[in-house]
Amino acid sequence: MQKQCLECGEKIVGRIDKKFCSDACRNTYNNRINKDSKNLIRNTNNWLRKNYRILEELNPDKKTKTSRAKLIEKGFDFNYITSIYTTKAGTVYYFVYDQGYLPLENDFYALVKRE
């Protein structure tokens, strides 16, 4: 029994466990399967990426302080985070991957990088 390419249906020649007739078909198949099919997922990932870049840019030394106005000016959206960390003392840090922020008084934020 001849195996057929999962993408184009052509006959496969070669190894018994081969699934595609060529690299082009393998790439096309995987791109189609793995694309962000919903705008919600794509837009959320874009916001997370943007927030991460902003925090990374403002926090080159892994620990600093900045204002809410500066974050907003750069385009930061406080609605998009990946996790929340609460210390034993009850302090709440908000993280976008390994870049985090802690709300302080007077609209200031401590920026941190998780090691």
PDB file of N, CA and C in Angstrom:
ATOM      1  N   MET A   1       0.844  -1.183   0.000  1.00  0.00           N
ATOM      2  CA  MET A   1       0.000   0.000   0.000  1.00  0.00           C
ATOM      3  C   MET A   1       0.890   1.247   0.000  1.00  0.00           C
ATOM      4  N   GLN A   2       0.683   2.121  -0.945  1.00  0.00           N
ATOM      5  CA  GLN A   2       1.464   3.348  -1.078  1.00  0.00           C
ATOM      6  C   GLN A   2       0.896   4.422  -0.159  1.00  0.00           C
ATOM      7  N   LYS A   3       1.796   5.118   0.538  1.00  0.00           N
ATOM      8  CA  LYS A   3       1.357   6.241   1.366  1.00  0.00           C
ATOM      9  C   LYS A   3       1.240   7.478   0.493  1.00  0.00           C
ATOM     10  N   GLN A   4       0.330   8.373   0.897  1.00  0.00           N
ATOM     11  CA  GLN A   4       0.127   9.612   0.161  1.00  0.00           C
ATOM     12  C   GLN A   4       0.503  10.793   1.041  1.00  0.00           C
ATOM     13  N   CYS A   5       1.002  11.854   0.410  1.00  0.00           N
ATOM     14  CA  CYS A   5       1.374  13.097   1.088  1.00  0.00           C
ATOM     15  C   CYS A   5       0.137  13.690   1.760  1.00  0.00           C
ATOM     16  N   LEU A   6       0.299  14.101   3.016  1.00  0.00           N
ATOM     17  CA  LEU A   6      -0.832  14.681   3.750  1.00  0.00           C
ATOM     18  C   LEU A   6      -1.300  16.011   3.167  1.00  0.00           C
ATOM     19  N   GLU A   7      -0.429  16.678   2.429  1.00  0.00           N
ATOM     20  CA  GLU A   7      -0.782  17.989   1.879  1.00  0.00           C
ATOM     21  C   GLU A   7      -1.346  17.893   0.468  1.00  0.00           C
ATOM     22  N   CYS A   8      -0.621  17.247  -0.430  1.00  0.00           N
ATOM     23  CA  CYS A   8      -1.044  17.275  -1.842  1.00  0.00           C
ATOM     24  C   CYS A   8      -1.587  15.953  -2.363  1.00  0.00           C
ATOM     25  N   GLY A   9      -1.390  14.868  -1.616  1.00  0.00           N
ATOM     26  CA  GLY A   9      -1.916  13.579  -2.047  1.00  0.00           C
ATOM     27  C   GLY A   9      -0.996  12.801  -2.977  1.00  0.00           C
ATOM     28  N   GLU A  10       0.172  13.342  -3.293  1.00  0.00           N
ATOM     29  CA  GLU A  10       1.135  12.643  -4.166  1.00  0.00           C
ATOM     30  C   GLU A  10       1.662  11.381  -3.480  1.00  0.00           C
ATOM     31  N   LYS A  11       2.163  10.460  -4.276  1.00  0.00           N
ATOM     32  CA  LYS A  11       2.759   9.236  -3.763  1.00  0.00           C
ATOM     33  C   LYS A  11       4.063   9.585  -3.033  1.00  0.00           C
ATOM     34  N   ILE A  12       4.289   8.972  -1.881  1.00  0.00           N
ATOM     35  CA  ILE A  12       5.505   9.230  -1.095  1.00  0.00           C
ATOM     36  C   ILE A  12       6.524   8.146  -1.383  1.00  0.00           C
ATOM     37  N   VAL A  13       7.744   8.584  -1.681  1.00  0.00           N
ATOM     38  CA  VAL A  13       8.858   7.677  -1.924  1.00  0.00           C
ATOM     39  C   VAL A  13       9.893   7.919  -0.831  1.00  0.00           C
ATOM     40  N   GLY A  14      10.403   6.839  -0.224  1.00  0.00           N
ATOM     41  CA  GLY A  14      11.439   7.000   0.795  1.00  0.00           C
ATOM     42  C   GLY A  14      11.104   6.257   2.064  1.00  0.00           C
ATOM     43  N   ARG A  15      11.474   6.827   3.165  1.00  0.00           N
ATOM     44  CA  ARG A  15      11.301   6.177   4.464  1.00  0.00           C
ATOM     45  C   ARG A  15       9.857   5.787   4.712  1.00  0.00           C
ATOM     46  N   ILE A  16       9.684   4.739   5.481  1.00  0.00           N
ATOM     47  CA  ILE A  16       8.351   4.210   5.735  1.00  0.00           C
ATOM     48  C   ILE A  16       7.502   5.148   6.606  1.00  0.00           C
ATOM     49  N   ASP A  17       8.170   5.961   7.452  1.00  0.00           N
ATOM     50  CA  ASP A  17       7.428   6.857   8.341  1.00  0.00           C
ATOM     51  C   ASP A  17       7.268   8.271   7.772  1.00  0.00           C
ATOM     52  N   LYS A  18       7.648   8.464   6.539  1.00  0.00           N
ATOM     53  CA  LYS A  18       7.555   9.774   5.887  1.00  0.00           C
ATOM     54  C   LYS A  18       6.084  10.148   5.668  1.00  0.00           C
ATOM     55  N   LYS A  19       5.739  11.428   5.891  1.00  0.00           N
ATOM     56  CA  LYS A  19       4.344  11.873   5.764  1.00  0.00           C
ATOM     57  C   LYS A  19       4.121  12.830   4.603  1.00  0.00           C
ATOM     58  N   PHE A  20       5.196  13.420   4.099  1.00  0.00           N
ATOM     59  CA  PHE A  20       5.081  14.429   3.047  1.00  0.00           C
ATOM     60  C   PHE A  20       6.026  14.101   1.910  1.00  0.00           C
ATOM     61  N   CYS A  21       5.649  14.526   0.703  1.00  0.00           N
ATOM     62  CA  CYS A  21       6.479  14.252  -0.467  1.00  0.00           C
ATOM     63  C   CYS A  21       7.653  15.221  -0.579  1.00  0.00           C
ATOM     64  N   SER A  22       7.555  16.395   0.057  1.00  0.00           N
ATOM     65  CA  SER A  22       8.623  17.387  -0.040  1.00  0.00           C
ATOM     66  C   SER A  22       8.597  18.320   1.168  1.00  0.00           C
ATOM     67  N   ASP A  23       9.682  19.082   1.314  1.00  0.00           N
ATOM     68  CA  ASP A  23       9.744  20.087   2.383  1.00  0.00           C
ATOM     69  C   ASP A  23       8.676  21.161   2.174  1.00  0.00           C
ATOM     70  N   ALA A  24       8.413  21.500   0.925  1.00  0.00           N
ATOM     71  CA  ALA A  24       7.410  22.529   0.624  1.00  0.00           C
ATOM     72  C   ALA A  24       6.032  22.087   1.118  1.00  0.00           C
ATOM     73  N   CYS A  25       5.666  20.820   0.869  1.00  0.00           N
ATOM     74  CA  CYS A  25       4.368  20.320   1.340  1.00  0.00           C
ATOM     75  C   CYS A  25       4.328  20.258   2.863  1.00  0.00           C
ATOM     76  N   ARG A  26       5.424  19.847   3.496  1.00  0.00           N
ATOM     77  CA  ARG A  26       5.480  19.797   4.960  1.00  0.00           C
ATOM     78  C   ARG A  26       5.301  21.190   5.544  1.00  0.00           C
ATOM     79  N   ASN A  27       6.003  22.189   4.973  1.00  0.00           N
ATOM     80  CA  ASN A  27       5.879  23.563   5.456  1.00  0.00           C
ATOM     81  C   ASN A  27       4.475  24.120   5.248  1.00  0.00           C
ATOM     82  N   THR A  28       3.914  23.886   4.079  1.00  0.00           N
ATOM     83  CA  THR A  28       2.566  24.373   3.781  1.00  0.00           C
ATOM     84  C   THR A  28       1.548  23.765   4.736  1.00  0.00           C
ATOM     85  N   TYR A  29       1.644  22.467   4.958  1.00  0.00           N
ATOM     86  CA  TYR A  29       0.731  21.769   5.856  1.00  0.00           C
ATOM     87  C   TYR A  29       0.841  22.328   7.279  1.00  0.00           C
ATOM     88  N   ASN A  30       2.066  22.430   7.791  1.00  0.00           N
ATOM     89  CA  ASN A  30       2.264  22.910   9.164  1.00  0.00           C
ATOM     90  C   ASN A  30       1.855  24.369   9.324  1.00  0.00           C
ATOM     91  N   ASN A  31       2.119  25.205   8.336  1.00  0.00           N
ATOM     92  CA  ASN A  31       1.688  26.601   8.399  1.00  0.00           C
ATOM     93  C   ASN A  31       0.165  26.703   8.446  1.00  0.00           C
ATOM     94  N   ARG A  32      -0.490  25.874   7.679  1.00  0.00           N
ATOM     95  CA  ARG A  32      -1.952  25.887   7.645  1.00  0.00           C
ATOM     96  C   ARG A  32      -2.523  25.392   8.977  1.00  0.00           C
ATOM     97  N   ILE A  33      -1.966  24.338   9.525  1.00  0.00           N
ATOM     98  CA  ILE A  33      -2.452  23.758  10.782  1.00  0.00           C
ATOM     99  C   ILE A  33      -2.170  24.676  11.973  1.00  0.00           C
ATOM    100  N   ASN A  34      -1.003  25.325  11.996  1.00  0.00           N
ATOM    101  CA  ASN A  34      -0.568  26.072  13.173  1.00  0.00           C
ATOM    102  C   ASN A  34      -0.871  27.567  13.139  1.00  0.00           C
ATOM    103  N   LYS A  35      -1.483  28.058  12.090  1.00  0.00           N
ATOM    104  CA  LYS A  35      -1.753  29.492  12.039  1.00  0.00           C
ATOM    105  C   LYS A  35      -2.788  29.869  13.093  1.00  0.00           C
ATOM    106  N   ASP A  36      -2.715  31.099  13.554  1.00  0.00           N
ATOM    107  CA  ASP A  36      -3.713  31.591  14.504  1.00  0.00           C
ATOM    108  C   ASP A  36      -4.992  31.853  13.729  1.00  0.00           C
ATOM    109  N   SER A  37      -5.916  30.921  13.815  1.00  0.00           N
ATOM    110  CA  SER A  37      -7.111  31.003  12.976  1.00  0.00           C
ATOM    111  C   SER A  37      -8.122  32.027  13.473  1.00  0.00           C
ATOM    112  N   LYS A  38      -8.009  32.420  14.704  1.00  0.00           N
ATOM    113  CA  LYS A  38      -8.971  33.377  15.232  1.00  0.00           C
ATOM    114  C   LYS A  38      -8.291  34.716  15.497  1.00  0.00           C
ATOM    115  N   ASN A  39      -8.962  35.780  15.111  1.00  0.00           N
ATOM    116  CA  ASN A  39      -8.422  37.122  15.333  1.00  0.00           C
ATOM    117  C   ASN A  39      -8.167  37.396  16.806  1.00  0.00           C
ATOM    118  N   LEU A  40      -9.008  36.867  17.682  1.00  0.00           N
ATOM    119  CA  LEU A  40      -8.847  37.073  19.116  1.00  0.00           C
ATOM    120  C   LEU A  40      -7.477  36.579  19.593  1.00  0.00           C
ATOM    121  N   ILE A  41      -7.101  35.386  19.169  1.00  0.00           N
ATOM    122  CA  ILE A  41      -5.809  34.820  19.575  1.00  0.00           C
ATOM    123  C   ILE A  41      -4.670  35.651  19.015  1.00  0.00           C
ATOM    124  N   ARG A  42      -4.752  35.985  17.751  1.00  0.00           N
ATOM    125  CA  ARG A  42      -3.694  36.771  17.103  1.00  0.00           C
ATOM    126  C   ARG A  42      -3.558  38.147  17.764  1.00  0.00           C
ATOM    127  N   ASN A  43      -4.684  38.820  18.008  1.00  0.00           N
ATOM    128  CA  ASN A  43      -4.641  40.151  18.620  1.00  0.00           C
ATOM    129  C   ASN A  43      -4.124  40.096  20.055  1.00  0.00           C
ATOM    130  N   THR A  44      -4.543  39.080  20.820  1.00  0.00           N
ATOM    131  CA  THR A  44      -4.057  38.930  22.193  1.00  0.00           C
ATOM    132  C   THR A  44      -2.556  38.712  22.200  1.00  0.00           C
ATOM    133  N   ASN A  45      -2.066  37.847  21.343  1.00  0.00           N
ATOM    134  CA  ASN A  45      -0.621  37.600  21.262  1.00  0.00           C
ATOM    135  C   ASN A  45       0.133  38.864  20.854  1.00  0.00           C
ATOM    136  N   ASN A  46      -0.425  39.648  19.968  1.00  0.00           N
ATOM    137  CA  ASN A  46       0.223  40.907  19.565  1.00  0.00           C
ATOM    138  C   ASN A  46       0.303  41.880  20.734  1.00  0.00           C
ATOM    139  N   TRP A  47      -0.775  41.985  21.532  1.00  0.00           N
ATOM    140  CA  TRP A  47      -0.750  42.887  22.695  1.00  0.00           C
ATOM    141  C   TRP A  47       0.260  42.403  23.732  1.00  0.00           C
ATOM    142  N   LEU A  48       0.296  41.099  23.982  1.00  0.00           N
ATOM    143  CA  LEU A  48       1.265  40.559  24.939  1.00  0.00           C
ATOM    144  C   LEU A  48       2.694  40.841  24.477  1.00  0.00           C
ATOM    145  N   ARG A  49       2.940  40.654  23.196  1.00  0.00           N
ATOM    146  CA  ARG A  49       4.273  40.914  22.637  1.00  0.00           C
ATOM    147  C   ARG A  49       4.634  42.390  22.794  1.00  0.00           C
ATOM    148  N   LYS A  50       3.671  43.271  22.520  1.00  0.00           N
ATOM    149  CA  LYS A  50       3.919  44.710  22.640  1.00  0.00           C
ATOM    150  C   LYS A  50       4.186  45.093  24.094  1.00  0.00           C
ATOM    151  N   ASN A  51       3.359  44.610  25.012  1.00  0.00           N
ATOM    152  CA  ASN A  51       3.569  44.890  26.435  1.00  0.00           C
ATOM    153  C   ASN A  51       4.936  44.390  26.892  1.00  0.00           C
ATOM    154  N   TYR A  52       5.319  43.200  26.448  1.00  0.00           N
ATOM    155  CA  TYR A  52       6.613  42.633  26.833  1.00  0.00           C
ATOM    156  C   TYR A  52       7.761  43.528  26.361  1.00  0.00           C
ATOM    157  N   ARG A  53       7.691  43.956  25.108  1.00  0.00           N
ATOM    158  CA  ARG A  53       8.760  44.821  24.565  1.00  0.00           C
ATOM    159  C   ARG A  53       8.854  46.132  25.345  1.00  0.00           C
ATOM    160  N   ILE A  54       7.720  46.702  25.724  1.00  0.00           N
ATOM    161  CA  ILE A  54       7.707  47.964  26.478  1.00  0.00           C
ATOM    162  C   ILE A  54       8.364  47.759  27.843  1.00  0.00           C
ATOM    163  N   LEU A  55       7.963  46.709  28.555  1.00  0.00           N
ATOM    164  CA  LEU A  55       8.552  46.439  29.869  1.00  0.00           C
ATOM    165  C   LEU A  55      10.053  46.163  29.751  1.00  0.00           C
ATOM    166  N   GLU A  56      10.435  45.421  28.729  1.00  0.00           N
ATOM    167  CA  GLU A  56      11.847  45.095  28.516  1.00  0.00           C
ATOM    168  C   GLU A  56      12.666  46.360  28.219  1.00  0.00           C
ATOM    169  N   GLU A  57      12.100  47.240  27.413  1.00  0.00           N
ATOM    170  CA  GLU A  57      12.781  48.492  27.060  1.00  0.00           C
ATOM    171  C   GLU A  57      12.954  49.403  28.280  1.00  0.00           C
ATOM    172  N   LEU A  58      11.913  49.490  29.108  1.00  0.00           N
ATOM    173  CA  LEU A  58      11.968  50.376  30.272  1.00  0.00           C
ATOM    174  C   LEU A  58      12.727  49.767  31.458  1.00  0.00           C
ATOM    175  N   ASN A  59      13.036  48.490  31.378  1.00  0.00           N
ATOM    176  CA  ASN A  59      13.665  47.791  32.495  1.00  0.00           C
ATOM    177  C   ASN A  59      14.942  47.053  32.074  1.00  0.00           C
ATOM    178  N   PRO A  60      15.945  47.755  31.553  1.00  0.00           N
ATOM    179  CA  PRO A  60      17.155  47.074  31.072  1.00  0.00           C
ATOM    180  C   PRO A  60      18.008  46.492  32.202  1.00  0.00           C
ATOM    181  N   ASP A  61      17.869  47.035  33.422  1.00  0.00           N
ATOM    182  CA  ASP A  61      18.700  46.579  34.547  1.00  0.00           C
ATOM    183  C   ASP A  61      17.993  45.566  35.445  1.00  0.00           C
ATOM    184  N   LYS A  62      16.871  45.033  34.981  1.00  0.00           N
ATOM    185  CA  LYS A  62      16.100  43.995  35.669  1.00  0.00           C
ATOM    186  C   LYS A  62      15.366  44.467  36.921  1.00  0.00           C
ATOM    187  N   LYS A  63      15.519  45.738  37.290  1.00  0.00           N
ATOM    188  CA  LYS A  63      14.775  46.286  38.424  1.00  0.00           C
ATOM    189  C   LYS A  63      14.842  47.805  38.338  1.00  0.00           C
ATOM    190  N   THR A  64      13.682  48.435  38.177  1.00  0.00           N
ATOM    191  CA  THR A  64      13.638  49.890  38.058  1.00  0.00           C
ATOM    192  C   THR A  64      12.253  50.390  38.445  1.00  0.00           C
ATOM    193  N   LYS A  65      12.037  51.683  38.274  1.00  0.00           N
ATOM    194  CA  LYS A  65      10.761  52.312  38.615  1.00  0.00           C
ATOM    195  C   LYS A  65      10.356  53.219  37.460  1.00  0.00           C
ATOM    196  N   THR A  66       9.068  53.265  37.179  1.00  0.00           N
ATOM    197  CA  THR A  66       8.565  54.135  36.115  1.00  0.00           C
ATOM    198  C   THR A  66       7.162  54.608  36.470  1.00  0.00           C
ATOM    199  N   SER A  67       6.663  55.561  35.682  1.00  0.00           N
ATOM    200  CA  SER A  67       5.325  56.102  35.942  1.00  0.00           C
ATOM    201  C   SER A  67       4.288  55.439  35.034  1.00  0.00           C
ATOM    202  N   ARG A  68       3.054  55.502  35.458  1.00  0.00           N
ATOM    203  CA  ARG A  68       1.937  54.994  34.657  1.00  0.00           C
ATOM    204  C   ARG A  68       1.862  55.758  33.330  1.00  0.00           C
ATOM    205  N   ALA A  69       2.088  57.075  33.401  1.00  0.00           N
ATOM    206  CA  ALA A  69       2.024  57.911  32.200  1.00  0.00           C
ATOM    207  C   ALA A  69       3.045  57.448  31.158  1.00  0.00           C
ATOM    208  N   LYS A  70       4.239  57.086  31.594  1.00  0.00           N
ATOM    209  CA  LYS A  70       5.283  56.645  30.661  1.00  0.00           C
ATOM    210  C   LYS A  70       4.884  55.321  30.002  1.00  0.00           C
ATOM    211  N   LEU A  71       4.315  54.411  30.793  1.00  0.00           N
ATOM    212  CA  LEU A  71       3.853  53.133  30.237  1.00  0.00           C
ATOM    213  C   LEU A  71       2.751  53.359  29.198  1.00  0.00           C
ATOM    214  N   ILE A  72       1.799  54.197  29.525  1.00  0.00           N
ATOM    215  CA  ILE A  72       0.675  54.474  28.618  1.00  0.00           C
ATOM    216  C   ILE A  72       1.166  55.199  27.365  1.00  0.00           C
ATOM    217  N   GLU A  73       2.096  56.120  27.544  1.00  0.00           N
ATOM    218  CA  GLU A  73       2.665  56.853  26.401  1.00  0.00           C
ATOM    219  C   GLU A  73       3.314  55.897  25.394  1.00  0.00           C
ATOM    220  N   LYS A  74       3.930  54.835  25.898  1.00  0.00           N
ATOM    221  CA  LYS A  74       4.577  53.846  25.022  1.00  0.00           C
ATOM    222  C   LYS A  74       3.570  52.890  24.398  1.00  0.00           C
ATOM    223  N   GLY A  75       2.318  52.903  24.896  1.00  0.00           N
ATOM    224  CA  GLY A  75       1.280  52.044  24.329  1.00  0.00           C
ATOM    225  C   GLY A  75       0.970  50.813  25.160  1.00  0.00           C
ATOM    226  N   PHE A  76       1.417  50.777  26.411  1.00  0.00           N
ATOM    227  CA  PHE A  76       1.181  49.626  27.284  1.00  0.00           C
ATOM    228  C   PHE A  76      -0.306  49.490  27.595  1.00  0.00           C
ATOM    229  N   ASP A  77      -0.822  48.259  27.559  1.00  0.00           N
ATOM    230  CA  ASP A  77      -2.216  47.988  27.883  1.00  0.00           C
ATOM    231  C   ASP A  77      -2.256  47.085  29.113  1.00  0.00           C
ATOM    232  N   PHE A  78      -2.767  47.609  30.224  1.00  0.00           N
ATOM    233  CA  PHE A  78      -2.779  46.894  31.492  1.00  0.00           C
ATOM    234  C   PHE A  78      -3.734  45.702  31.505  1.00  0.00           C
ATOM    235  N   ASN A  79      -4.536  45.531  30.468  1.00  0.00           N
ATOM    236  CA  ASN A  79      -5.463  44.407  30.389  1.00  0.00           C
ATOM    237  C   ASN A  79      -4.800  43.112  29.935  1.00  0.00           C
ATOM    238  N   TYR A  80      -3.579  43.186  29.427  1.00  0.00           N
ATOM    239  CA  TYR A  80      -2.924  42.012  28.859  1.00  0.00           C
ATOM    240  C   TYR A  80      -1.704  41.613  29.686  1.00  0.00           C
ATOM    241  N   ILE A  81      -1.874  40.550  30.475  1.00  0.00           N
ATOM    242  CA  ILE A  81      -0.804  39.989  31.288  1.00  0.00           C
ATOM    243  C   ILE A  81      -0.844  38.470  31.126  1.00  0.00           C
ATOM    244  N   THR A  82       0.221  37.798  31.543  1.00  0.00           N
ATOM    245  CA  THR A  82       0.232  36.337  31.455  1.00  0.00           C
ATOM    246  C   THR A  82       0.074  35.668  32.815  1.00  0.00           C
ATOM    247  N   SER A  83       0.455  36.365  33.903  1.00  0.00           N
ATOM    248  CA  SER A  83       0.307  35.766  35.227  1.00  0.00           C
ATOM    249  C   SER A  83       0.318  36.828  36.318  1.00  0.00           C
ATOM    250  N   ILE A  84      -0.144  36.411  37.485  1.00  0.00           N
ATOM    251  CA  ILE A  84      -0.145  37.258  38.676  1.00  0.00           C
ATOM    252  C   ILE A  84       0.587  36.489  39.762  1.00  0.00           C
ATOM    253  N   TYR A  85       1.493  37.173  40.458  1.00  0.00           N
ATOM    254  CA  TYR A  85       2.232  36.554  41.554  1.00  0.00           C
ATOM    255  C   TYR A  85       1.969  37.335  42.833  1.00  0.00           C
ATOM    256  N   THR A  86       1.508  36.637  43.858  1.00  0.00           N
ATOM    257  CA  THR A  86       1.251  37.260  45.150  1.00  0.00           C
ATOM    258  C   THR A  86       2.280  36.741  46.150  1.00  0.00           C
ATOM    259  N   THR A  87       3.013  37.649  46.786  1.00  0.00           N
ATOM    260  CA  THR A  87       4.018  37.258  47.771  1.00  0.00           C
ATOM    261  C   THR A  87       3.337  36.846  49.074  1.00  0.00           C
ATOM    262  N   LYS A  88       4.114  36.273  49.979  1.00  0.00           N
ATOM    263  CA  LYS A  88       3.572  35.875  51.279  1.00  0.00           C
ATOM    264  C   LYS A  88       3.038  37.080  52.046  1.00  0.00           C
ATOM    265  N   ALA A  89       3.623  38.243  51.789  1.00  0.00           N
ATOM    266  CA  ALA A  89       3.186  39.474  52.456  1.00  0.00           C
ATOM    267  C   ALA A  89       1.933  40.066  51.815  1.00  0.00           C
ATOM    268  N   GLY A  90       1.484  39.487  50.706  1.00  0.00           N
ATOM    269  CA  GLY A  90       0.277  39.964  50.049  1.00  0.00           C
ATOM    270  C   GLY A  90       0.503  40.964  48.925  1.00  0.00           C
ATOM    271  N   THR A  91       1.765  41.208  48.580  1.00  0.00           N
ATOM    272  CA  THR A  91       2.087  42.116  47.474  1.00  0.00           C
ATOM    273  C   THR A  91       1.779  41.419  46.153  1.00  0.00           C
ATOM    274  N   VAL A  92       1.104  42.115  45.244  1.00  0.00           N
ATOM    275  CA  VAL A  92       0.674  41.507  43.980  1.00  0.00           C
ATOM    276  C   VAL A  92       1.487  42.067  42.815  1.00  0.00           C
ATOM    277  N   TYR A  93       2.216  41.184  42.134  1.00  0.00           N
ATOM    278  CA  TYR A  93       2.975  41.521  40.930  1.00  0.00           C
ATOM    279  C   TYR A  93       2.209  41.009  39.719  1.00  0.00           C
ATOM    280  N   TYR A  94       2.222  41.777  38.640  1.00  0.00           N
ATOM    281  CA  TYR A  94       1.594  41.385  37.382  1.00  0.00           C
ATOM    282  C   TYR A  94       2.711  41.127  36.375  1.00  0.00           C
ATOM    283  N   PHE A  95       2.645  39.985  35.679  1.00  0.00           N
ATOM    284  CA  PHE A  95       3.714  39.606  34.765  1.00  0.00           C
ATOM    285  C   PHE A  95       3.223  39.452  33.336  1.00  0.00           C
ATOM    286  N   VAL A  96       4.107  39.822  32.412  1.00  0.00           N
ATOM    287  CA  VAL A  96       3.984  39.484  31.000  1.00  0.00           C
ATOM    288  C   VAL A  96       5.208  38.610  30.744  1.00  0.00           C
ATOM    289  N   TYR A  97       4.998  37.310  30.780  1.00  0.00           N
ATOM    290  CA  TYR A  97       6.072  36.320  30.732  1.00  0.00           C
ATOM    291  C   TYR A  97       7.015  36.556  31.912  1.00  0.00           C
ATOM    292  N   ASP A  98       8.281  36.913  31.684  1.00  0.00           N
ATOM    293  CA  ASP A  98       9.201  37.101  32.812  1.00  0.00           C
ATOM    294  C   ASP A  98       9.392  38.567  33.198  1.00  0.00           C
ATOM    295  N   GLN A  99       8.718  39.478  32.521  1.00  0.00           N
ATOM    296  CA  GLN A  99       8.778  40.906  32.852  1.00  0.00           C
ATOM    297  C   GLN A  99       7.548  41.257  33.680  1.00  0.00           C
ATOM    298  N   GLY A 100       7.771  41.881  34.856  1.00  0.00           N
ATOM    299  CA  GLY A 100       6.646  42.166  35.721  1.00  0.00           C
ATOM    300  C   GLY A 100       6.620  43.598  36.210  1.00  0.00           C
ATOM    301  N   TYR A 101       5.478  43.952  36.805  1.00  0.00           N
ATOM    302  CA  TYR A 101       5.348  45.282  37.403  1.00  0.00           C
ATOM    303  C   TYR A 101       4.527  45.191  38.677  1.00  0.00           C
ATOM    304  N   LEU A 102       4.836  46.090  39.575  1.00  0.00           N
ATOM    305  CA  LEU A 102       4.165  46.187  40.864  1.00  0.00           C
ATOM    306  C   LEU A 102       3.625  47.596  41.005  1.00  0.00           C
ATOM    307  N   PRO A 103       2.305  47.752  41.142  1.00  0.00           N
ATOM    308  CA  PRO A 103       1.751  49.097  41.352  1.00  0.00           C
ATOM    309  C   PRO A 103       2.236  49.672  42.683  1.00  0.00           C
ATOM    310  N   LEU A 104       2.726  50.907  42.636  1.00  0.00           N
ATOM    311  CA  LEU A 104       3.163  51.622  43.828  1.00  0.00           C
ATOM    312  C   LEU A 104       2.235  52.812  44.053  1.00  0.00           C
ATOM    313  N   GLU A 105       2.571  53.668  44.981  1.00  0.00           N
ATOM    314  CA  GLU A 105       1.759  54.853  45.245  1.00  0.00           C
ATOM    315  C   GLU A 105       1.982  55.912  44.165  1.00  0.00           C
ATOM    316  N   ASN A 106       1.033  56.815  44.052  1.00  0.00           N
ATOM    317  CA  ASN A 106       1.123  57.969  43.148  1.00  0.00           C
ATOM    318  C   ASN A 106       1.328  57.586  41.685  1.00  0.00           C
ATOM    319  N   ASP A 107       0.670  56.535  41.231  1.00  0.00           N
ATOM    320  CA  ASP A 107       0.740  56.090  39.833  1.00  0.00           C
ATOM    321  C   ASP A 107       2.153  55.755  39.364  1.00  0.00           C
ATOM    322  N   PHE A 108       2.948  55.188  40.236  1.00  0.00           N
ATOM    323  CA  PHE A 108       4.263  54.687  39.854  1.00  0.00           C
ATOM    324  C   PHE A 108       4.250  53.169  39.912  1.00  0.00           C
ATOM    325  N   TYR A 109       5.183  52.563  39.176  1.00  0.00           N
ATOM    326  CA  TYR A 109       5.288  51.115  39.108  1.00  0.00           C
ATOM    327  C   TYR A 109       6.733  50.696  39.271  1.00  0.00           C
ATOM    328  N   ALA A 110       6.947  49.636  40.049  1.00  0.00           N
ATOM    329  CA  ALA A 110       8.256  49.007  40.127  1.00  0.00           C
ATOM    330  C   ALA A 110       8.277  47.953  39.032  1.00  0.00           C
ATOM    331  N   LEU A 111       9.285  47.994  38.173  1.00  0.00           N
ATOM    332  CA  LEU A 111       9.445  47.004  37.107  1.00  0.00           C
ATOM    333  C   LEU A 111      10.493  45.987  37.548  1.00  0.00           C
ATOM    334  N   VAL A 112      10.209  44.715  37.331  1.00  0.00           N
ATOM    335  CA  VAL A 112      11.121  43.648  37.734  1.00  0.00           C
ATOM    336  C   VAL A 112      11.215  42.608  36.622  1.00  0.00           C
ATOM    337  N   LYS A 113      12.291  41.843  36.660  1.00  0.00           N
ATOM    338  CA  LYS A 113      12.430  40.708  35.756  1.00  0.00           C
ATOM    339  C   LYS A 113      12.606  39.457  36.604  1.00  0.00           C
ATOM    340  N   ARG A 114      11.778  38.463  36.342  1.00  0.00           N
ATOM    341  CA  ARG A 114      11.843  37.203  37.094  1.00  0.00           C
ATOM    342  C   ARG A 114      13.013  36.392  36.559  1.00  0.00           C
ATOM    343  N   GLU A 115      13.805  35.896  37.463  1.00  0.00           N
ATOM    344  CA  GLU A 115      14.980  35.079  37.069  1.00  0.00           C
ATOM    345  C   GLU A 115      14.613  33.619  36.996  1.00  0.00           C
TER     346      GLU A 115
END
